[in-house]
Amino acid sequence: MLELTLLGSIALLLGLALWFTVDSDDDDSNGGIMQPIPIPVRRSY
């Protein structure tokens, strides 16, 4: 039982490490999907 718990803990830690090191689109490397999009605004005077 201890071996199974240890194996699960190691797998969880490796999964978390992989998840945090994956390059996301919202950092400043080449923009990605988080680029600002111009939104037209109606102005009534």
PDB file of N, CA and C in Angstrom:
ATOM      1  N   MET A   1       0.826  -1.201   0.000  1.00  0.00           N
ATOM      2  CA  MET A   1       0.000   0.000   0.000  1.00  0.00           C
ATOM      3  C   MET A   1       0.865   1.259   0.000  1.00  0.00           C
ATOM      4  N   LEU A   2       1.975   1.200   0.726  1.00  0.00           N
ATOM      5  CA  LEU A   2       2.877   2.341   0.774  1.00  0.00           C
ATOM      6  C   LEU A   2       3.495   2.607  -0.591  1.00  0.00           C
ATOM      7  N   GLU A   3       3.825   1.543  -1.303  1.00  0.00           N
ATOM      8  CA  GLU A   3       4.416   1.711  -2.617  1.00  0.00           C
ATOM      9  C   GLU A   3       3.432   2.375  -3.586  1.00  0.00           C
ATOM     10  N   LEU A   4       2.176   1.986  -3.490  1.00  0.00           N
ATOM     11  CA  LEU A   4       1.152   2.565  -4.361  1.00  0.00           C
ATOM     12  C   LEU A   4       0.954   4.050  -4.051  1.00  0.00           C
ATOM     13  N   THR A   5       0.952   4.401  -2.783  1.00  0.00           N
ATOM     14  CA  THR A   5       0.815   5.798  -2.388  1.00  0.00           C
ATOM     15  C   THR A   5       2.024   6.611  -2.842  1.00  0.00           C
ATOM     16  N   LEU A   6       3.202   6.048  -2.697  1.00  0.00           N
ATOM     17  CA  LEU A   6       4.421   6.733  -3.134  1.00  0.00           C
ATOM     18  C   LEU A   6       4.432   6.916  -4.651  1.00  0.00           C
ATOM     19  N   LEU A   7       4.025   5.905  -5.377  1.00  0.00           N
ATOM     20  CA  LEU A   7       3.967   6.000  -6.833  1.00  0.00           C
ATOM     21  C   LEU A   7       2.947   7.052  -7.274  1.00  0.00           C
ATOM     22  N   GLY A   8       1.799   7.090  -6.620  1.00  0.00           N
ATOM     23  CA  GLY A   8       0.790   8.092  -6.940  1.00  0.00           C
ATOM     24  C   GLY A   8       1.265   9.500  -6.634  1.00  0.00           C
ATOM     25  N   SER A   9       1.976   9.656  -5.525  1.00  0.00           N
ATOM     26  CA  SER A   9       2.509  10.972  -5.163  1.00  0.00           C
ATOM     27  C   SER A   9       3.553  11.447  -6.166  1.00  0.00           C
ATOM     28  N   ILE A  10       4.407  10.553  -6.593  1.00  0.00           N
ATOM     29  CA  ILE A  10       5.436  10.911  -7.579  1.00  0.00           C
ATOM     30  C   ILE A  10       4.786  11.272  -8.906  1.00  0.00           C
ATOM     31  N   ALA A  11       3.775  10.509  -9.311  1.00  0.00           N
ATOM     32  CA  ALA A  11       3.077  10.813 -10.559  1.00  0.00           C
ATOM     33  C   ALA A  11       2.373  12.162 -10.470  1.00  0.00           C
ATOM     34  N   LEU A  12       1.794  12.468  -9.329  1.00  0.00           N
ATOM     35  CA  LEU A  12       1.131  13.753  -9.142  1.00  0.00           C
ATOM     36  C   LEU A  12       2.133  14.898  -9.196  1.00  0.00           C
ATOM     37  N   LEU A  13       3.271  14.741  -8.552  1.00  0.00           N
ATOM     38  CA  LEU A  13       4.295  15.785  -8.584  1.00  0.00           C
ATOM     39  C   LEU A  13       4.851  15.992  -9.988  1.00  0.00           C
ATOM     40  N   LEU A  14       5.078  14.916 -10.714  1.00  0.00           N
ATOM     41  CA  LEU A  14       5.561  15.039 -12.089  1.00  0.00           C
ATOM     42  C   LEU A  14       4.512  15.704 -12.978  1.00  0.00           C
ATOM     43  N   GLY A  15       3.256  15.371 -12.782  1.00  0.00           N
ATOM     44  CA  GLY A  15       2.187  16.001 -13.554  1.00  0.00           C
ATOM     45  C   GLY A  15       2.084  17.487 -13.271  1.00  0.00           C
ATOM     46  N   LEU A  16       2.187  17.874 -12.006  1.00  0.00           N
ATOM     47  CA  LEU A  16       2.150  19.294 -11.656  1.00  0.00           C
ATOM     48  C   LEU A  16       3.353  20.041 -12.225  1.00  0.00           C
ATOM     49  N   ALA A  17       4.522  19.428 -12.166  1.00  0.00           N
ATOM     50  CA  ALA A  17       5.722  20.063 -12.714  1.00  0.00           C
ATOM     51  C   ALA A  17       5.580  20.250 -14.218  1.00  0.00           C
ATOM     52  N   LEU A  18       5.035  19.264 -14.908  1.00  0.00           N
ATOM     53  CA  LEU A  18       4.833  19.379 -16.346  1.00  0.00           C
ATOM     54  C   LEU A  18       3.806  20.454 -16.668  1.00  0.00           C
ATOM     55  N   TRP A  19       2.752  20.530 -15.870  1.00  0.00           N
ATOM     56  CA  TRP A  19       1.696  21.518 -16.097  1.00  0.00           C
ATOM     57  C   TRP A  19       2.212  22.936 -15.911  1.00  0.00           C
ATOM     58  N   PHE A  20       3.082  23.156 -14.924  1.00  0.00           N
ATOM     59  CA  PHE A  20       3.603  24.494 -14.677  1.00  0.00           C
ATOM     60  C   PHE A  20       4.696  24.899 -15.661  1.00  0.00           C
ATOM     61  N   THR A  21       5.338  23.930 -16.293  1.00  0.00           N
ATOM     62  CA  THR A  21       6.409  24.278 -17.226  1.00  0.00           C
ATOM     63  C   THR A  21       5.940  24.381 -18.669  1.00  0.00           C
ATOM     64  N   VAL A  22       4.695  23.992 -18.953  1.00  0.00           N
ATOM     65  CA  VAL A  22       4.170  24.101 -20.316  1.00  0.00           C
ATOM     66  C   VAL A  22       4.025  25.583 -20.658  1.00  0.00           C
ATOM     67  N   ASP A  23       4.475  25.956 -21.842  1.00  0.00           N
ATOM     68  CA  ASP A  23       4.412  27.351 -22.275  1.00  0.00           C
ATOM     69  C   ASP A  23       2.966  27.726 -22.565  1.00  0.00           C
ATOM     70  N   SER A  24       2.486  28.755 -21.920  1.00  0.00           N
ATOM     71  CA  SER A  24       1.109  29.179 -22.122  1.00  0.00           C
ATOM     72  C   SER A  24       1.044  30.282 -23.171  1.00  0.00           C
ATOM     73  N   ASP A  25      -0.157  30.537 -23.680  1.00  0.00           N
ATOM     74  CA  ASP A  25      -0.352  31.543 -24.719  1.00  0.00           C
ATOM     75  C   ASP A  25      -0.436  32.957 -24.160  1.00  0.00           C
ATOM     76  N   ASP A  26      -0.641  33.101 -22.864  1.00  0.00           N
ATOM     77  CA  ASP A  26      -0.848  34.436 -22.344  1.00  0.00           C
ATOM     78  C   ASP A  26       0.422  35.091 -21.808  1.00  0.00           C
ATOM     79  N   ASP A  27       1.568  34.472 -22.014  1.00  0.00           N
ATOM     80  CA  ASP A  27       2.806  35.170 -21.675  1.00  0.00           C
ATOM     81  C   ASP A  27       3.244  36.012 -22.877  1.00  0.00           C
ATOM     82  N   ASP A  28       4.341  36.692 -22.765  1.00  0.00           N
ATOM     83  CA  ASP A  28       4.726  37.652 -23.797  1.00  0.00           C
ATOM     84  C   ASP A  28       5.550  37.042 -24.929  1.00  0.00           C
ATOM     85  N   SER A  29       5.486  35.741 -25.113  1.00  0.00           N
ATOM     86  CA  SER A  29       6.232  35.139 -26.210  1.00  0.00           C
ATOM     87  C   SER A  29       5.341  35.039 -27.439  1.00  0.00           C
ATOM     88  N   ASN A  30       5.545  35.930 -28.367  1.00  0.00           N
ATOM     89  CA  ASN A  30       4.858  35.955 -29.660  1.00  0.00           C
ATOM     90  C   ASN A  30       3.356  36.184 -29.566  1.00  0.00           C
ATOM     91  N   GLY A  31       2.896  36.801 -28.525  1.00  0.00           N
ATOM     92  CA  GLY A  31       1.487  37.178 -28.461  1.00  0.00           C
ATOM     93  C   GLY A  31       0.564  36.052 -28.083  1.00  0.00           C
ATOM     94  N   GLY A  32       0.182  35.241 -29.031  1.00  0.00           N
ATOM     95  CA  GLY A  32      -0.758  34.177 -28.749  1.00  0.00           C
ATOM     96  C   GLY A  32      -2.188  34.675 -28.824  1.00  0.00           C
ATOM     97  N   ILE A  33      -3.059  34.027 -28.091  1.00  0.00           N
ATOM     98  CA  ILE A  33      -4.469  34.382 -28.171  1.00  0.00           C
ATOM     99  C   ILE A  33      -4.845  35.560 -27.288  1.00  0.00           C
ATOM    100  N   MET A  34      -3.920  36.063 -26.506  1.00  0.00           N
ATOM    101  CA  MET A  34      -4.250  37.146 -25.591  1.00  0.00           C
ATOM    102  C   MET A  34      -3.945  38.525 -26.190  1.00  0.00           C
ATOM    103  N   GLN A  35      -3.817  38.606 -27.509  1.00  0.00           N
ATOM    104  CA  GLN A  35      -3.602  39.890 -28.156  1.00  0.00           C
ATOM    105  C   GLN A  35      -4.845  40.754 -27.996  1.00  0.00           C
ATOM    106  N   PRO A  36      -4.677  42.047 -27.760  1.00  0.00           N
ATOM    107  CA  PRO A  36      -5.860  42.902 -27.663  1.00  0.00           C
ATOM    108  C   PRO A  36      -6.554  43.039 -29.025  1.00  0.00           C
ATOM    109  N   ILE A  37      -7.861  42.989 -28.999  1.00  0.00           N
ATOM    110  CA  ILE A  37      -8.656  43.096 -30.219  1.00  0.00           C
ATOM    111  C   ILE A  37      -9.385  44.432 -30.181  1.00  0.00           C
ATOM    112  N   PRO A  38      -9.244  45.253 -31.228  1.00  0.00           N
ATOM    113  CA  PRO A  38      -9.968  46.522 -31.224  1.00  0.00           C
ATOM    114  C   PRO A  38     -11.474  46.288 -31.304  1.00  0.00           C
ATOM    115  N   ILE A  39     -12.200  46.923 -30.410  1.00  0.00           N
ATOM    116  CA  ILE A  39     -13.651  46.775 -30.356  1.00  0.00           C
ATOM    117  C   ILE A  39     -14.282  48.091 -30.791  1.00  0.00           C
ATOM    118  N   PRO A  40     -15.113  48.088 -31.833  1.00  0.00           N
ATOM    119  CA  PRO A  40     -15.753  49.328 -32.258  1.00  0.00           C
ATOM    120  C   PRO A  40     -16.747  49.815 -31.201  1.00  0.00           C
ATOM    121  N   VAL A  41     -16.732  51.112 -30.982  1.00  0.00           N
ATOM    122  CA  VAL A  41     -17.599  51.717 -29.969  1.00  0.00           C
ATOM    123  C   VAL A  41     -18.530  52.698 -30.659  1.00  0.00           C
ATOM    124  N   ARG A  42     -19.816  52.566 -30.389  1.00  0.00           N
ATOM    125  CA  ARG A  42     -20.785  53.516 -30.941  1.00  0.00           C
ATOM    126  C   ARG A  42     -20.841  54.740 -30.040  1.00  0.00           C
ATOM    127  N   ARG A  43     -20.754  55.871 -30.655  1.00  0.00           N
ATOM    128  CA  ARG A  43     -20.847  57.114 -29.895  1.00  0.00           C
ATOM    129  C   ARG A  43     -22.041  57.908 -30.384  1.00  0.00           C
ATOM    130  N   SER A  44     -22.951  58.208 -29.496  1.00  0.00           N
ATOM    131  CA  SER A  44     -24.109  59.025 -29.855  1.00  0.00           C
ATOM    132  C   SER A  44     -24.007  60.339 -29.093  1.00  0.00           C
ATOM    133  N   TYR A  45     -23.976  61.426 -29.855  1.00  0.00           N
ATOM    134  CA  TYR A  45     -23.839  62.734 -29.225  1.00  0.00           C
ATOM    135  C   TYR A  45     -25.161  63.468 -29.238  1.00  0.00           C
TER     136      TYR A  45
END
